[in-house]
């Protein structure tokens, strides 16, 4: 079993930055990819970004160029640097992990990001 804990959310003004962190523990040897989803009120959950164990990265088009995902395998951490935040980025951001078979069954508790003036 994998346990994921996020941190770093909060309130920020439009144009500001936040850095989310996700710490993995437990059966970390089973983890291949890690990443972030977000869900805003009244909207479906959407995949923001993911990074595989060997460093392959994907981004959703709406955050490409503004968000940067990174991973430190030595610390079992994944990060999401969010720059030039917009009000439409307001959502609960949740960390997830997938195993080598592509099963994505472990999730964090989520952290709220609010972009507002």
Protein backbone atom coordinates (compact mmCIF):
# COMPACT_ATOMS: atom_id res chain seq x y z
CA UNK A 1 0.00 0.00 0.00
CA UNK A 2 1.13 3.55 -0.77
CA UNK A 3 0.35 6.54 1.40
CA UNK A 4 0.40 10.00 -0.17
CA UNK A 5 0.35 13.30 1.72
CA UNK A 6 0.12 16.68 0.00
CA UNK A 7 1.13 20.07 1.29
CA UNK A 8 1.58 23.59 -0.01
CA UNK A 9 -1.89 24.74 -0.98
CA UNK A 10 -3.33 28.07 0.00
CA UNK A 11 -4.66 31.41 -1.13
CA UNK A 12 -2.74 33.38 -3.74
CA UNK A 13 -3.46 36.39 -5.90
CA UNK A 14 -3.76 36.08 -9.68
CA UNK A 15 -0.31 35.99 -11.20
CA UNK A 16 1.18 34.51 -8.06
CA UNK A 17 2.92 31.21 -7.46
CA UNK A 18 2.54 28.18 -5.23
CA UNK A 19 4.48 24.98 -4.88
CA UNK A 20 2.68 21.78 -3.99
CA UNK A 21 4.50 18.83 -2.49
CA UNK A 22 3.47 15.19 -2.23
CA UNK A 23 5.28 12.74 0.01
CA UNK A 24 4.96 9.03 -0.67
CA UNK A 25 5.47 6.29 1.88
CA UNK A 26 4.72 2.60 2.23
CA UNK A 27 5.25 0.29 -0.77
CA UNK A 28 7.09 2.94 -2.75
CA UNK A 29 8.97 0.32 -4.76
CA UNK A 30 5.69 -0.36 -6.61
CA UNK A 31 5.33 3.23 -7.83
CA UNK A 32 5.93 4.06 -11.47
CA UNK A 33 4.24 7.35 -12.23
CA UNK A 34 3.11 10.09 -9.88
CA UNK A 35 1.20 13.23 -10.59
CA UNK A 36 -1.60 15.62 -9.85
CA UNK A 37 -5.29 15.87 -10.55
CA UNK A 38 -7.49 18.80 -9.67
CA UNK A 39 -11.19 19.26 -9.22
CA UNK A 40 -13.03 22.56 -9.06
CA UNK A 41 -16.56 22.91 -7.67
CA UNK A 42 -19.11 21.78 -10.20
CA UNK A 43 -16.47 20.45 -12.57
CA UNK A 44 -15.08 17.05 -13.36
CA UNK A 45 -11.72 15.97 -12.05
CA UNK A 46 -8.95 16.66 -14.55
CA UNK A 47 -5.44 15.37 -14.90
CA UNK A 48 -2.92 18.20 -14.61
CA UNK A 49 0.45 16.56 -14.89
CA UNK A 50 2.28 13.30 -14.32
CA UNK A 51 5.88 12.10 -14.28
CA UNK A 52 7.11 8.53 -14.62
CA UNK A 53 9.89 6.98 -12.61
CA UNK A 54 12.30 7.51 -15.50
CA UNK A 55 11.30 11.13 -15.95
CA UNK A 56 8.74 11.18 -18.75
CA UNK A 57 6.43 14.15 -18.17
CA UNK A 58 3.00 15.12 -19.46
CA UNK A 59 0.98 18.29 -18.89
CA UNK A 60 -2.56 19.33 -19.53
CA UNK A 61 -2.61 22.02 -22.19
CA UNK A 62 -4.15 24.63 -19.90
CA UNK A 63 -1.18 24.52 -17.50
CA UNK A 64 1.65 23.87 -19.93
CA UNK A 65 4.24 26.62 -19.64
CA UNK A 66 2.94 27.74 -16.25
CA UNK A 67 3.19 24.59 -14.13
CA UNK A 68 6.27 22.42 -13.67
CA UNK A 69 6.22 18.94 -12.20
CA UNK A 70 9.33 17.43 -10.68
CA UNK A 71 10.18 14.31 -8.78
CA UNK A 72 12.85 13.36 -6.29
CA UNK A 73 13.03 9.58 -6.18
CA UNK A 74 15.59 9.68 -3.36
CA UNK A 75 13.07 11.44 -1.12
CA UNK A 76 9.95 9.81 -2.58
CA UNK A 77 8.54 13.24 -3.35
CA UNK A 78 6.76 14.84 -6.27
CA UNK A 79 6.31 18.59 -6.63
CA UNK A 80 4.13 20.90 -8.67
CA UNK A 81 5.46 24.41 -9.14
CA UNK A 82 2.57 26.62 -10.24
CA UNK A 83 3.37 30.04 -11.67
CA UNK A 84 1.20 32.77 -13.15
CA UNK A 85 -1.82 31.35 -11.38
CA UNK A 86 -5.26 32.25 -12.66
CA UNK A 87 -8.64 32.24 -10.91
CA UNK A 88 -9.61 29.24 -13.03
CA UNK A 89 -6.80 27.27 -11.39
CA UNK A 90 -8.80 27.32 -8.16
CA UNK A 91 -9.46 23.71 -7.19
CA UNK A 92 -8.58 20.90 -4.83
CA UNK A 93 -5.32 19.42 -6.04
CA UNK A 94 -4.74 15.76 -5.33
CA UNK A 95 -1.60 13.70 -5.69
CA UNK A 96 -1.81 10.20 -7.13
CA UNK A 97 0.48 7.29 -7.93
CA UNK A 98 0.33 4.49 -10.46
CA UNK A 99 2.12 1.15 -10.40
CA UNK A 100 4.07 -0.54 -13.18
CA UNK A 101 0.85 -2.11 -14.52
CA UNK A 102 -0.70 1.34 -14.87
CA UNK A 103 -3.09 0.94 -11.98
CA UNK A 104 -3.63 4.30 -10.32
CA UNK A 105 -5.28 3.45 -7.04
CA UNK A 106 -3.49 5.56 -4.46
CA UNK A 107 -4.51 9.12 -3.77
CA UNK A 108 -3.71 11.81 -1.26
CA UNK A 109 -6.29 13.73 0.73
CA UNK A 110 -6.06 16.80 -1.50
CA UNK A 111 -4.99 20.36 -0.88
CA UNK A 112 -7.00 23.47 -1.67
CA UNK A 113 -5.60 26.07 -4.03
CA UNK A 114 -7.52 29.32 -4.26
CA UNK A 115 -6.55 32.05 -6.71
CA UNK A 116 -8.35 35.27 -5.91
CA UNK A 117 -7.73 38.94 -5.43
